[in-house]
Amino acid sequence: MGFEAGQDAQVALCATAGLLPLLRALGADADRIFGPAGIDAGHLNAGNEGRLALSSYVEVMERAAGLSGRTDFGLLYGRSFPASCHGLVGDIALAAPSIGMALRQFTDLFPLHQEASEARLVEEAGLLRLEYRILDWRIFERRQDAELTIAMFQNLLREAYGPGFHPAEVHFEHPEPEGRTTHEAVFGAPVFFGQRTNAIVFRPGDLSRRMPGADAARFARLAAEAYRRRLPKGRVPLEARVRAEIRSRLPDGSPPILEVADALGLARWTLQRRLNEMGLTYAEAVQDVRKALAESYLREPHLSISSIAQLLGYAELSPFSRACRRWFGAPPEQIRAQKWLAS
């Protein structure tokens, strides 16, 4: 089912498989975690065909990390999430005739599982990158979702390549968390933060190799069902997409408008015109993104001021300090020392 303008993007309810047992094992109160998002934990059934708002799902994961006392909650949940619990999209991948077909189907059909999101398979220097990101800028705090999703992707790759599969690298778009100890243990590979997107990078091997669960009849039947459902017709608002593209590129410097326009499949002048119709300039959108990220990052005491400046695309500390004075009325060191930014 798609989502129309003004309707929240949705995620398949199967994305909550195993969530309640994990919360119980951690001694966390499910009602306190789900309640503020308007979800009745007592009626949560990952086995049905229902859906829930993606923003609520991401919010639940962030709150679960806070209330359980496990800042690595997303990794804990994702590493135990079976590949068979990705619903129709996962079932198609598992029944595909080859590893290459499984990965292509999974990425192409991923919006059926989770709207306002992107999964891509990118070849780079003899390696493959299975990338993931939420396209809606308004879903802002999303570390837990990123980490659980990449861990889920690793489980799918282990179904394809065998339990001994390990990636070459893992990338996350969020800054490095404080006191992290779990990431390398979960992935068995170097993990990099502050990247353009979330990705699991691996050696593809023989993509024509048969999937362990290959089933031609089941694959054809499920693919026909996916065609009947079609891909979501809704769109993330352009303003939110522009900010999402800016956010993903800031660690490499302030992105030129042409680069963002190309990513959105628009001519530069078309993007400028459509932003002007919304009463927004591209430069204002860049500053909006930088300000919002600065507010978030300055609350994290383990992130140095210089590293925050770099994550926001500033080549030097001085322009970041001037921007903070303009946004918040004080330089970043003073903002952090006096805790001016509410949590």
C-alpha atoms as a PDB file:
ATOM      1  CA  MET A   1       0.000   0.000   0.000  1.00  0.00           C
ATOM      2  CA  GLY A   2       1.337   3.422  -0.888  1.00  0.00           C
ATOM      3  CA  PHE A   3       1.020   6.654   1.032  1.00  0.00           C
ATOM      4  CA  GLU A   4      -0.480   9.824  -0.265  1.00  0.00           C
ATOM      5  CA  ALA A   5       0.694  13.359   0.323  1.00  0.00           C
ATOM      6  CA  GLY A   6       0.279  14.159   3.991  1.00  0.00           C
ATOM      7  CA  GLN A   7       0.052  10.498   5.001  1.00  0.00           C
ATOM      8  CA  ASP A   8       2.860   9.073   7.092  1.00  0.00           C
ATOM      9  CA  ALA A   9       5.259   6.628   5.474  1.00  0.00           C
ATOM     10  CA  GLN A  10       4.683   3.084   6.682  1.00  0.00           C
ATOM     11  CA  VAL A  11       6.789   0.046   7.571  1.00  0.00           C
ATOM     12  CA  ALA A  12       5.571  -3.546   7.547  1.00  0.00           C
ATOM     13  CA  LEU A  13       4.614  -4.819  10.993  1.00  0.00           C
ATOM     14  CA  CYS A  14       6.890  -7.828  10.493  1.00  0.00           C
ATOM     15  CA  ALA A  15       9.753  -5.402  11.244  1.00  0.00           C
ATOM     16  CA  THR A  16       8.807  -5.803  14.929  1.00  0.00           C
ATOM     17  CA  ALA A  17       9.317  -9.595  14.961  1.00  0.00           C
ATOM     18  CA  GLY A  18      11.072 -10.573  18.191  1.00  0.00           C
ATOM     19  CA  LEU A  19      10.973  -7.048  19.591  1.00  0.00           C
ATOM     20  CA  LEU A  20       8.735  -7.713  22.605  1.00  0.00           C
ATOM     21  CA  PRO A  21      10.726 -10.779  23.779  1.00  0.00           C
ATOM     22  CA  LEU A  22      13.955  -8.758  23.597  1.00  0.00           C
ATOM     23  CA  LEU A  23      12.433  -5.941  25.649  1.00  0.00           C
ATOM     24  CA  ARG A  24      11.258  -8.439  28.257  1.00  0.00           C
ATOM     25  CA  ALA A  25      14.717 -10.031  28.392  1.00  0.00           C
ATOM     26  CA  LEU A  26      16.228  -6.595  29.048  1.00  0.00           C
ATOM     27  CA  GLY A  27      13.652  -5.827  31.740  1.00  0.00           C
ATOM     28  CA  ALA A  28      12.248  -2.883  29.780  1.00  0.00           C
ATOM     29  CA  ASP A  29       8.622  -1.745  30.099  1.00  0.00           C
ATOM     30  CA  ALA A  30       7.079  -2.169  26.639  1.00  0.00           C
ATOM     31  CA  ASP A  31       4.145   0.122  27.450  1.00  0.00           C
ATOM     32  CA  ARG A  32       6.501   2.992  28.328  1.00  0.00           C
ATOM     33  CA  ILE A  33       8.372   2.407  25.078  1.00  0.00           C
ATOM     34  CA  PHE A  34       5.414   2.010  22.716  1.00  0.00           C
ATOM     35  CA  GLY A  35       2.809   4.172  24.459  1.00  0.00           C
ATOM     36  CA  PRO A  36       4.192   7.641  23.592  1.00  0.00           C
ATOM     37  CA  ALA A  37       4.219   6.604  19.923  1.00  0.00           C
ATOM     38  CA  GLY A  38       0.514   5.738  20.127  1.00  0.00           C
ATOM     39  CA  ILE A  39       1.101   1.980  19.813  1.00  0.00           C
ATOM     40  CA  ASP A  40      -0.603  -0.569  22.061  1.00  0.00           C
ATOM     41  CA  ALA A  41       2.134  -3.101  22.843  1.00  0.00           C
ATOM     42  CA  GLY A  42      -0.486  -5.598  24.011  1.00  0.00           C
ATOM     43  CA  HIS A  43      -1.943  -5.825  20.503  1.00  0.00           C
ATOM     44  CA  LEU A  44       1.340  -5.837  18.587  1.00  0.00           C
ATOM     45  CA  ASN A  45       1.416  -8.869  16.305  1.00  0.00           C
ATOM     46  CA  ALA A  46       4.346  -9.055  13.909  1.00  0.00           C
ATOM     47  CA  GLY A  47       2.759 -12.063  12.228  1.00  0.00           C
ATOM     48  CA  ASN A  48      -0.082 -10.168  10.595  1.00  0.00           C
ATOM     49  CA  GLU A  49      -0.107  -8.033   7.449  1.00  0.00           C
ATOM     50  CA  GLY A  50      -0.438  -4.731   9.279  1.00  0.00           C
ATOM     51  CA  ARG A  51       1.737  -1.666   9.023  1.00  0.00           C
ATOM     52  CA  LEU A  52       2.749   1.165  11.306  1.00  0.00           C
ATOM     53  CA  ALA A  53       4.100   4.648  10.796  1.00  0.00           C
ATOM     54  CA  LEU A  54       7.819   4.620  10.033  1.00  0.00           C
ATOM     55  CA  SER A  55       8.358   7.659  12.263  1.00  0.00           C
ATOM     56  CA  SER A  56       6.739   5.778  15.176  1.00  0.00           C
ATOM     57  CA  TYR A  57       8.880   2.703  14.521  1.00  0.00           C
ATOM     58  CA  VAL A  58      12.092   4.749  14.558  1.00  0.00           C
ATOM     59  CA  GLU A  59      10.927   6.621  17.668  1.00  0.00           C
ATOM     60  CA  VAL A  60      10.247   3.321  19.447  1.00  0.00           C
ATOM     61  CA  MET A  61      13.777   2.084  18.725  1.00  0.00           C
ATOM     62  CA  GLU A  62      15.349   5.271  20.082  1.00  0.00           C
ATOM     63  CA  ARG A  63      13.210   5.107  23.220  1.00  0.00           C
ATOM     64  CA  ALA A  64      13.977   1.405  23.689  1.00  0.00           C
ATOM     65  CA  ALA A  65      17.687   2.209  23.724  1.00  0.00           C
ATOM     66  CA  GLY A  66      17.177   4.881  26.359  1.00  0.00           C
ATOM     67  CA  LEU A  67      14.805   3.012  28.675  1.00  0.00           C
ATOM     68  CA  SER A  68      16.573  -0.356  28.432  1.00  0.00           C
ATOM     69  CA  GLY A  69      19.931   1.187  29.270  1.00  0.00           C
ATOM     70  CA  ARG A  70      21.409  -0.417  26.142  1.00  0.00           C
ATOM     71  CA  THR A  71      22.695   2.244  23.789  1.00  0.00           C
ATOM     72  CA  ASP A  72      23.474  -0.603  21.377  1.00  0.00           C
ATOM     73  CA  PHE A  73      19.843  -1.759  21.375  1.00  0.00           C
ATOM     74  CA  GLY A  74      19.544  -1.570  17.585  1.00  0.00           C
ATOM     75  CA  LEU A  75      22.517  -3.892  17.132  1.00  0.00           C
ATOM     76  CA  LEU A  76      21.152  -6.348  19.695  1.00  0.00           C
ATOM     77  CA  TYR A  77      17.805  -6.446  17.943  1.00  0.00           C
ATOM     78  CA  GLY A  78      19.127  -6.501  14.394  1.00  0.00           C
ATOM     79  CA  ARG A  79      21.677  -9.272  14.863  1.00  0.00           C
ATOM     80  CA  SER A  80      18.965 -11.651  16.113  1.00  0.00           C
ATOM     81  CA  PHE A  81      16.417 -10.700  13.438  1.00  0.00           C
ATOM     82  CA  PRO A  82      15.854 -13.642  11.037  1.00  0.00           C
ATOM     83  CA  ALA A  83      16.122 -12.934   7.325  1.00  0.00           C
ATOM     84  CA  SER A  84      12.800 -14.756   6.929  1.00  0.00           C
ATOM     85  CA  CYS A  85      11.032 -11.983   8.902  1.00  0.00           C
ATOM     86  CA  HIS A  86      11.353  -9.327   6.182  1.00  0.00           C
ATOM     87  CA  GLY A  87       7.888 -10.226   4.915  1.00  0.00           C
ATOM     88  CA  LEU A  88       7.153 -10.497   1.215  1.00  0.00           C
ATOM     89  CA  VAL A  89      10.372  -8.747   0.166  1.00  0.00           C
ATOM     90  CA  GLY A  90      12.533 -11.062   2.271  1.00  0.00           C
ATOM     91  CA  ASP A  91      10.648 -14.136   1.104  1.00  0.00           C
ATOM     92  CA  ILE A  92      11.265 -13.188  -2.532  1.00  0.00           C
ATOM     93  CA  ALA A  93      14.987 -12.785  -1.886  1.00  0.00           C
ATOM     94  CA  LEU A  94      15.260 -16.126  -0.085  1.00  0.00           C
ATOM     95  CA  ALA A  95      13.423 -17.959  -2.884  1.00  0.00           C
ATOM     96  CA  ALA A  96      15.399 -16.286  -5.695  1.00  0.00           C
ATOM     97  CA  PRO A  97      17.379 -18.546  -8.053  1.00  0.00           C
ATOM     98  CA  SER A  98      20.747 -16.846  -7.440  1.00  0.00           C
ATOM     99  CA  ILE A  99      22.489 -14.563  -4.973  1.00  0.00           C
ATOM    100  CA  GLY A 100      22.630 -11.754  -7.527  1.00  0.00           C
ATOM    101  CA  MET A 101      18.915 -12.010  -8.245  1.00  0.00           C
ATOM    102  CA  ALA A 102      18.148 -12.126  -4.515  1.00  0.00           C
ATOM    103  CA  LEU A 103      20.062  -8.918  -3.843  1.00  0.00           C
ATOM    104  CA  ARG A 104      18.577  -7.100  -6.824  1.00  0.00           C
ATOM    105  CA  GLN A 105      15.037  -8.086  -5.901  1.00  0.00           C
ATOM    106  CA  PHE A 106      15.564  -7.159  -2.265  1.00  0.00           C
ATOM    107  CA  THR A 107      16.856  -3.665  -3.056  1.00  0.00           C
ATOM    108  CA  ASP A 108      14.377  -2.982  -5.870  1.00  0.00           C
ATOM    109  CA  LEU A 109      11.375  -4.031  -3.774  1.00  0.00           C
ATOM    110  CA  PHE A 110      12.521  -2.669  -0.410  1.00  0.00           C
ATOM    111  CA  PRO A 111      10.007   0.246  -0.523  1.00  0.00           C
ATOM    112  CA  LEU A 112       7.241  -2.385  -0.360  1.00  0.00           C
ATOM    113  CA  HIS A 113       8.603  -3.298   3.068  1.00  0.00           C
ATOM    114  CA  GLN A 114       9.465   0.230   4.206  1.00  0.00           C
ATOM    115  CA  GLU A 115       8.319   3.419   2.533  1.00  0.00           C
ATOM    116  CA  ALA A 116      10.272   6.690   2.333  1.00  0.00           C
ATOM    117  CA  SER A 117      13.447   4.603   2.387  1.00  0.00           C
ATOM    118  CA  GLU A 118      16.099   3.456  -0.042  1.00  0.00           C
ATOM    119  CA  ALA A 119      18.130   0.274  -0.349  1.00  0.00           C
ATOM    120  CA  ARG A 120      20.742   0.225  -3.123  1.00  0.00           C
ATOM    121  CA  LEU A 121      23.328  -2.215  -4.411  1.00  0.00           C
ATOM    122  CA  VAL A 122      26.413  -0.355  -5.641  1.00  0.00           C
ATOM    123  CA  GLU A 123      29.571  -1.832  -7.172  1.00  0.00           C
ATOM    124  CA  GLU A 124      32.787  -0.107  -6.141  1.00  0.00           C
ATOM    125  CA  ALA A 125      36.390  -1.250  -6.704  1.00  0.00           C
ATOM    126  CA  GLY A 126      35.506  -4.932  -6.887  1.00  0.00           C
ATOM    127  CA  LEU A 127      33.279  -4.755  -3.810  1.00  0.00           C
ATOM    128  CA  LEU A 128      29.519  -4.446  -3.396  1.00  0.00           C
ATOM    129  CA  ARG A 129      27.854  -1.938  -1.105  1.00  0.00           C
ATOM    130  CA  LEU A 130      24.396  -2.782   0.213  1.00  0.00           C
ATOM    131  CA  GLU A 131      23.257   0.705   1.205  1.00  0.00           C
ATOM    132  CA  TYR A 132      20.326   1.878   3.301  1.00  0.00           C
ATOM    133  CA  ARG A 133      18.916   5.200   4.372  1.00  0.00           C
ATOM    134  CA  ILE A 134      15.641   6.851   5.286  1.00  0.00           C
ATOM    135  CA  LEU A 135      14.816   9.493   2.691  1.00  0.00           C
ATOM    136  CA  ASP A 136      12.601  11.636   4.910  1.00  0.00           C
ATOM    137  CA  TRP A 137      14.601  14.380   6.625  1.00  0.00           C
ATOM    138  CA  ARG A 138      11.828  14.814   9.215  1.00  0.00           C
ATOM    139  CA  ILE A 139      12.694  11.417  10.745  1.00  0.00           C
ATOM    140  CA  PHE A 140      15.749  12.902  12.388  1.00  0.00           C
ATOM    141  CA  GLU A 141      17.159  10.874  15.300  1.00  0.00           C
ATOM    142  CA  ARG A 142      17.610   7.431  13.749  1.00  0.00           C
ATOM    143  CA  ARG A 143      20.828   5.808  14.935  1.00  0.00           C
ATOM    144  CA  GLN A 144      19.076   2.721  16.301  1.00  0.00           C
ATOM    145  CA  ASP A 145      17.142   2.145  13.074  1.00  0.00           C
ATOM    146  CA  ALA A 146      20.324   2.412  11.006  1.00  0.00           C
ATOM    147  CA  GLU A 147      22.245  -0.047  13.167  1.00  0.00           C
ATOM    148  CA  LEU A 148      19.450  -2.602  13.416  1.00  0.00           C
ATOM    149  CA  THR A 149      18.802  -2.455   9.662  1.00  0.00           C
ATOM    150  CA  ILE A 150      22.438  -2.995   8.676  1.00  0.00           C
ATOM    151  CA  ALA A 151      22.629  -5.886  11.160  1.00  0.00           C
ATOM    152  CA  MET A 152      19.466  -7.301   9.556  1.00  0.00           C
ATOM    153  CA  PHE A 153      21.090  -6.953   6.137  1.00  0.00           C
ATOM    154  CA  GLN A 154      24.068  -8.941   7.403  1.00  0.00           C
ATOM    155  CA  ASN A 155      21.711 -11.759   8.400  1.00  0.00           C
ATOM    156  CA  LEU A 156      20.277 -11.805   4.876  1.00  0.00           C
ATOM    157  CA  LEU A 157      23.789 -11.983   3.427  1.00  0.00           C
ATOM    158  CA  ARG A 158      24.614 -14.874   5.753  1.00  0.00           C
ATOM    159  CA  GLU A 159      21.570 -16.709   4.417  1.00  0.00           C
ATOM    160  CA  ALA A 160      22.991 -16.211   0.926  1.00  0.00           C
ATOM    161  CA  TYR A 161      26.714 -16.817   1.526  1.00  0.00           C
ATOM    162  CA  GLY A 162      26.650 -19.007   4.618  1.00  0.00           C
ATOM    163  CA  PRO A 163      27.103 -18.407   8.365  1.00  0.00           C
ATOM    164  CA  GLY A 164      30.801 -17.611   7.922  1.00  0.00           C
ATOM    165  CA  PHE A 165      30.042 -14.434   5.953  1.00  0.00           C
ATOM    166  CA  HIS A 166      31.729 -11.273   7.207  1.00  0.00           C
ATOM    167  CA  PRO A 167      31.727  -7.883   5.484  1.00  0.00           C
ATOM    168  CA  ALA A 168      34.849  -5.978   4.510  1.00  0.00           C
ATOM    169  CA  GLU A 169      33.564  -2.751   6.102  1.00  0.00           C
ATOM    170  CA  VAL A 170      30.432  -1.277   7.651  1.00  0.00           C
ATOM    171  CA  HIS A 171      29.426   2.389   7.317  1.00  0.00           C
ATOM    172  CA  PHE A 172      26.962   4.490   9.335  1.00  0.00           C
ATOM    173  CA  GLU A 173      25.752   8.025   8.649  1.00  0.00           C
ATOM    174  CA  HIS A 174      25.554   9.005  12.343  1.00  0.00           C
ATOM    175  CA  PRO A 175      28.583  10.095  14.392  1.00  0.00           C
ATOM    176  CA  GLU A 176      30.571   7.545  16.371  1.00  0.00           C
ATOM    177  CA  PRO A 177      28.683   6.724  19.598  1.00  0.00           C
ATOM    178  CA  GLU A 178      30.297   7.220  22.969  1.00  0.00           C
ATOM    179  CA  GLY A 179      31.921   4.160  24.544  1.00  0.00           C
ATOM    180  CA  ARG A 180      30.969   1.813  21.749  1.00  0.00           C
ATOM    181  CA  THR A 181      32.074  -1.804  22.229  1.00  0.00           C
ATOM    182  CA  THR A 182      29.598  -3.890  20.231  1.00  0.00           C
ATOM    183  CA  HIS A 183      29.905  -2.859  16.591  1.00  0.00           C
ATOM    184  CA  GLU A 184      33.053  -4.727  15.535  1.00  0.00           C
ATOM    185  CA  ALA A 185      31.923  -7.786  17.508  1.00  0.00           C
ATOM    186  CA  VAL A 186      28.598  -7.867  15.647  1.00  0.00           C
ATOM    187  CA  PHE A 187      30.031  -7.334  12.171  1.00  0.00           C
ATOM    188  CA  GLY A 188      33.539  -8.756  12.460  1.00  0.00           C
ATOM    189  CA  ALA A 189      34.801  -5.882  10.328  1.00  0.00           C
ATOM    190  CA  PRO A 190      35.986  -2.274  10.632  1.00  0.00           C
ATOM    191  CA  VAL A 191      33.103   0.139  11.285  1.00  0.00           C
ATOM    192  CA  PHE A 192      33.177   3.773  10.111  1.00  0.00           C
ATOM    193  CA  PHE A 193      30.880   6.580  11.246  1.00  0.00           C
ATOM    194  CA  GLY A 194      29.876   9.967   9.841  1.00  0.00           C
ATOM    195  CA  GLN A 195      29.563   8.475   6.358  1.00  0.00           C
ATOM    196  CA  ARG A 196      27.327   9.543   3.489  1.00  0.00           C
ATOM    197  CA  THR A 197      24.956   6.623   3.997  1.00  0.00           C
ATOM    198  CA  ASN A 198      24.581   3.404   5.953  1.00  0.00           C
ATOM    199  CA  ALA A 199      26.157   0.460   4.138  1.00  0.00           C
ATOM    200  CA  ILE A 200      27.528  -3.029   4.501  1.00  0.00           C
ATOM    201  CA  VAL A 201      30.474  -3.498   2.118  1.00  0.00           C
ATOM    202  CA  PHE A 202      31.442  -7.010   1.024  1.00  0.00           C
ATOM    203  CA  ARG A 203      33.191  -9.139  -1.571  1.00  0.00           C
ATOM    204  CA  PRO A 204      30.481 -10.391  -3.927  1.00  0.00           C
ATOM    205  CA  GLY A 205      32.012 -13.704  -4.957  1.00  0.00           C
ATOM    206  CA  ASP A 206      29.979 -15.594  -7.559  1.00  0.00           C
ATOM    207  CA  LEU A 207      26.645 -13.776  -7.838  1.00  0.00           C
ATOM    208  CA  SER A 208      25.287 -16.539 -10.078  1.00  0.00           C
ATOM    209  CA  ARG A 209      25.629 -19.007  -7.204  1.00  0.00           C
ATOM    210  CA  ARG A 210      22.370 -20.677  -6.240  1.00  0.00           C
ATOM    211  CA  MET A 211      20.520 -19.343  -3.197  1.00  0.00           C
ATOM    212  CA  PRO A 212      20.214 -22.076  -0.520  1.00  0.00           C
ATOM    213  CA  GLY A 213      16.418 -21.709  -0.501  1.00  0.00           C
ATOM    214  CA  ALA A 214      15.969 -21.264  -4.255  1.00  0.00           C
ATOM    215  CA  ASP A 215      12.462 -22.250  -5.320  1.00  0.00           C
ATOM    216  CA  ALA A 216      11.416 -21.245  -8.841  1.00  0.00           C
ATOM    217  CA  ALA A 217       7.686 -21.788  -8.326  1.00  0.00           C
ATOM    218  CA  ARG A 218       7.607 -19.936  -5.012  1.00  0.00           C
ATOM    219  CA  PHE A 219       9.748 -17.128  -6.429  1.00  0.00           C
ATOM    220  CA  ALA A 220       7.385 -16.656  -9.381  1.00  0.00           C
ATOM    221  CA  ARG A 221       4.313 -16.693  -7.142  1.00  0.00           C
ATOM    222  CA  LEU A 222       5.756 -14.168  -4.691  1.00  0.00           C
ATOM    223  CA  ALA A 223       7.035 -11.911  -7.486  1.00  0.00           C
ATOM    224  CA  ALA A 224       3.528 -11.852  -8.958  1.00  0.00           C
ATOM    225  CA  GLU A 225       2.156 -10.835  -5.560  1.00  0.00           C
ATOM    226  CA  ALA A 226       4.723  -8.034  -5.336  1.00  0.00           C
ATOM    227  CA  TYR A 227       3.662  -6.821  -8.779  1.00  0.00           C
ATOM    228  CA  ARG A 228       0.022  -6.750  -7.665  1.00  0.00           C
ATOM    229  CA  ARG A 229       0.914  -4.648  -4.656  1.00  0.00           C
ATOM    230  CA  ARG A 230       3.106  -2.368  -6.765  1.00  0.00           C
ATOM    231  CA  LEU A 231       5.584   0.053  -5.281  1.00  0.00           C
ATOM    232  CA  PRO A 232       4.282   2.883  -3.115  1.00  0.00           C
ATOM    233  CA  LYS A 233       2.928   5.763  -5.151  1.00  0.00           C
ATOM    234  CA  GLY A 234       3.452   8.360  -2.457  1.00  0.00           C
ATOM    235  CA  ARG A 235       6.448  10.619  -2.318  1.00  0.00           C
ATOM    236  CA  VAL A 236       8.446  12.202   0.433  1.00  0.00           C
ATOM    237  CA  PRO A 237       7.888  15.971   0.098  1.00  0.00           C
ATOM    238  CA  LEU A 238      10.565  17.604  -2.037  1.00  0.00           C
ATOM    239  CA  GLU A 239      11.670  19.898   0.788  1.00  0.00           C
ATOM    240  CA  ALA A 240      12.350  16.883   3.040  1.00  0.00           C
ATOM    241  CA  ARG A 241      14.170  15.025   0.240  1.00  0.00           C
ATOM    242  CA  VAL A 242      16.406  18.025  -0.449  1.00  0.00           C
ATOM    243  CA  ARG A 243      17.356  18.232   3.216  1.00  0.00           C
ATOM    244  CA  ALA A 244      17.990  14.479   3.305  1.00  0.00           C
ATOM    245  CA  GLU A 245      20.364  14.716   0.334  1.00  0.00           C
ATOM    246  CA  ILE A 246      22.158  17.671   1.928  1.00  0.00           C
ATOM    247  CA  ARG A 247      22.506  15.804   5.227  1.00  0.00           C
ATOM    248  CA  SER A 248      24.061  12.758   3.600  1.00  0.00           C
ATOM    249  CA  ARG A 249      26.697  14.867   1.818  1.00  0.00           C
ATOM    250  CA  LEU A 250      27.741  17.340   4.524  1.00  0.00           C
ATOM    251  CA  PRO A 251      30.697  15.296   5.879  1.00  0.00           C
ATOM    252  CA  ASP A 252      32.303  15.808   2.445  1.00  0.00           C
ATOM    253  CA  GLY A 253      31.699  19.571   2.531  1.00  0.00           C
ATOM    254  CA  SER A 254      28.800  21.830   1.640  1.00  0.00           C
ATOM    255  CA  PRO A 255      27.184  20.101  -1.373  1.00  0.00           C
ATOM    256  CA  PRO A 256      26.622  22.188  -4.512  1.00  0.00           C
ATOM    257  CA  ILE A 257      23.024  22.469  -5.643  1.00  0.00           C
ATOM    258  CA  LEU A 258      23.818  20.705  -8.926  1.00  0.00           C
ATOM    259  CA  GLU A 259      24.886  17.574  -7.047  1.00  0.00           C
ATOM    260  CA  VAL A 260      21.659  17.496  -5.034  1.00  0.00           C
ATOM    261  CA  ALA A 261      19.539  18.233  -8.100  1.00  0.00           C
ATOM    262  CA  ASP A 262      21.191  15.334  -9.958  1.00  0.00           C
ATOM    263  CA  ALA A 263      20.485  13.000  -7.024  1.00  0.00           C
ATOM    264  CA  LEU A 264      16.810  13.979  -7.193  1.00  0.00           C
ATOM    265  CA  GLY A 265      16.638  13.613 -10.971  1.00  0.00           C
ATOM    266  CA  LEU A 266      15.950  17.318 -11.486  1.00  0.00           C
ATOM    267  CA  ALA A 267      17.594  20.092 -13.455  1.00  0.00           C
ATOM    268  CA  ARG A 268      19.240  22.697 -11.239  1.00  0.00           C
ATOM    269  CA  TRP A 269      16.904  25.469 -12.346  1.00  0.00           C
ATOM    270  CA  THR A 270      13.874  23.219 -11.740  1.00  0.00           C
ATOM    271  CA  LEU A 271      14.992  22.528  -8.189  1.00  0.00           C
ATOM    272  CA  GLN A 272      15.614  26.241  -7.580  1.00  0.00           C
ATOM    273  CA  ARG A 273      12.179  27.132  -8.942  1.00  0.00           C
ATOM    274  CA  ARG A 274      10.363  24.516  -6.866  1.00  0.00           C
ATOM    275  CA  LEU A 275      12.168  25.575  -3.701  1.00  0.00           C
ATOM    276  CA  ASN A 276      11.340  29.224  -4.437  1.00  0.00           C
ATOM    277  CA  GLU A 277       7.677  28.249  -4.761  1.00  0.00           C
ATOM    278  CA  MET A 278       7.936  26.940  -1.182  1.00  0.00           C
ATOM    279  CA  GLY A 279       9.513  30.191  -0.010  1.00  0.00           C
ATOM    280  CA  LEU A 280      12.885  28.515   0.474  1.00  0.00           C
ATOM    281  CA  THR A 281      16.308  28.938  -1.107  1.00  0.00           C
ATOM    282  CA  TYR A 282      18.879  26.184  -1.409  1.00  0.00           C
ATOM    283  CA  ALA A 283      21.316  28.091   0.810  1.00  0.00           C
ATOM    284  CA  GLU A 284      18.638  28.350   3.504  1.00  0.00           C
ATOM    285  CA  ALA A 285      18.026  24.599   3.293  1.00  0.00           C
ATOM    286  CA  VAL A 286      21.747  23.928   3.823  1.00  0.00           C
ATOM    287  CA  GLN A 287      21.782  26.210   6.869  1.00  0.00           C
ATOM    288  CA  ASP A 288      18.615  24.598   8.265  1.00  0.00           C
ATOM    289  CA  VAL A 289      20.248  21.173   8.067  1.00  0.00           C
ATOM    290  CA  ARG A 290      23.499  22.363   9.612  1.00  0.00           C
ATOM    291  CA  LYS A 291      21.675  24.093  12.475  1.00  0.00           C
ATOM    292  CA  ALA A 292      19.525  21.052  13.292  1.00  0.00           C
ATOM    293  CA  LEU A 293      22.523  18.712  13.216  1.00  0.00           C
ATOM    294  CA  ALA A 294      24.567  21.126  15.328  1.00  0.00           C
ATOM    295  CA  GLU A 295      21.833  21.111  17.981  1.00  0.00           C
ATOM    296  CA  SER A 296      21.906  17.312  18.027  1.00  0.00           C
ATOM    297  CA  TYR A 297      25.683  16.863  17.974  1.00  0.00           C
ATOM    298  CA  LEU A 298      26.443  19.511  20.612  1.00  0.00           C
ATOM    299  CA  ARG A 299      24.414  17.448  23.088  1.00  0.00           C
ATOM    300  CA  GLU A 300      26.897  14.587  22.657  1.00  0.00           C
ATOM    301  CA  PRO A 301      29.824  15.376  24.996  1.00  0.00           C
ATOM    302  CA  HIS A 302      32.106  12.754  23.431  1.00  0.00           C
ATOM    303  CA  LEU A 303      32.078  14.595  20.080  1.00  0.00           C
ATOM    304  CA  SER A 304      34.782  17.256  19.897  1.00  0.00           C
ATOM    305  CA  ILE A 305      33.869  20.696  18.559  1.00  0.00           C
ATOM    306  CA  SER A 306      36.291  20.226  15.660  1.00  0.00           C
ATOM    307  CA  SER A 307      34.759  16.864  14.717  1.00  0.00           C
ATOM    308  CA  ILE A 308      31.277  18.413  14.760  1.00  0.00           C
ATOM    309  CA  ALA A 309      32.486  21.155  12.435  1.00  0.00           C
ATOM    310  CA  GLN A 310      33.822  18.501  10.066  1.00  0.00           C
ATOM    311  CA  LEU A 311      30.578  16.489  10.182  1.00  0.00           C
ATOM    312  CA  LEU A 312      28.717  19.668   9.228  1.00  0.00           C
ATOM    313  CA  GLY A 313      30.949  20.239   6.215  1.00  0.00           C
ATOM    314  CA  TYR A 314      33.091  23.078   7.557  1.00  0.00           C
ATOM    315  CA  ALA A 315      36.739  22.963   6.515  1.00  0.00           C
ATOM    316  CA  GLU A 316      37.749  25.033   9.549  1.00  0.00           C
ATOM    317  CA  LEU A 317      36.434  25.649  13.046  1.00  0.00           C
ATOM    318  CA  SER A 318      36.027  29.430  12.700  1.00  0.00           C
ATOM    319  CA  PRO A 319      33.079  29.405  10.234  1.00  0.00           C
ATOM    320  CA  PHE A 320      31.298  26.863  12.451  1.00  0.00           C
ATOM    321  CA  SER A 321      31.810  29.129  15.477  1.00  0.00           C
ATOM    322  CA  ARG A 322      30.405  32.096  13.551  1.00  0.00           C
ATOM    323  CA  ALA A 323      27.415  30.019  12.477  1.00  0.00           C
ATOM    324  CA  CYS A 324      26.709  29.012  16.101  1.00  0.00           C
ATOM    325  CA  ARG A 325      26.770  32.657  17.155  1.00  0.00           C
ATOM    326  CA  ARG A 326      24.284  33.433  14.397  1.00  0.00           C
ATOM    327  CA  TRP A 327      21.996  30.472  15.220  1.00  0.00           C
ATOM    328  CA  PHE A 328      22.210  30.296  18.999  1.00  0.00           C
ATOM    329  CA  GLY A 329      23.796  33.564  20.112  1.00  0.00           C
ATOM    330  CA  ALA A 330      26.996  31.985  21.433  1.00  0.00           C
ATOM    331  CA  PRO A 331      30.044  30.004  20.248  1.00  0.00           C
ATOM    332  CA  PRO A 332      29.839  26.192  20.411  1.00  0.00           C
ATOM    333  CA  GLU A 333      32.137  25.841  23.448  1.00  0.00           C
ATOM    334  CA  GLN A 334      29.918  28.163  25.477  1.00  0.00           C
ATOM    335  CA  ILE A 335      26.746  26.448  24.290  1.00  0.00           C
ATOM    336  CA  ARG A 336      28.062  23.076  25.421  1.00  0.00           C
ATOM    337  CA  ALA A 337      29.480  24.350  28.724  1.00  0.00           C
ATOM    338  CA  GLN A 338      26.234  26.040  29.719  1.00  0.00           C
ATOM    339  CA  LYS A 339      23.975  23.344  28.233  1.00  0.00           C
ATOM    340  CA  TRP A 340      21.901  25.914  26.382  1.00  0.00           C
ATOM    341  CA  LEU A 341      20.378  23.296  24.096  1.00  0.00           C
ATOM    342  CA  ALA A 342      17.495  21.403  25.662  1.00  0.00           C
ATOM    343  CA  SER A 343      17.640  17.626  25.371  1.00  0.00           C
END
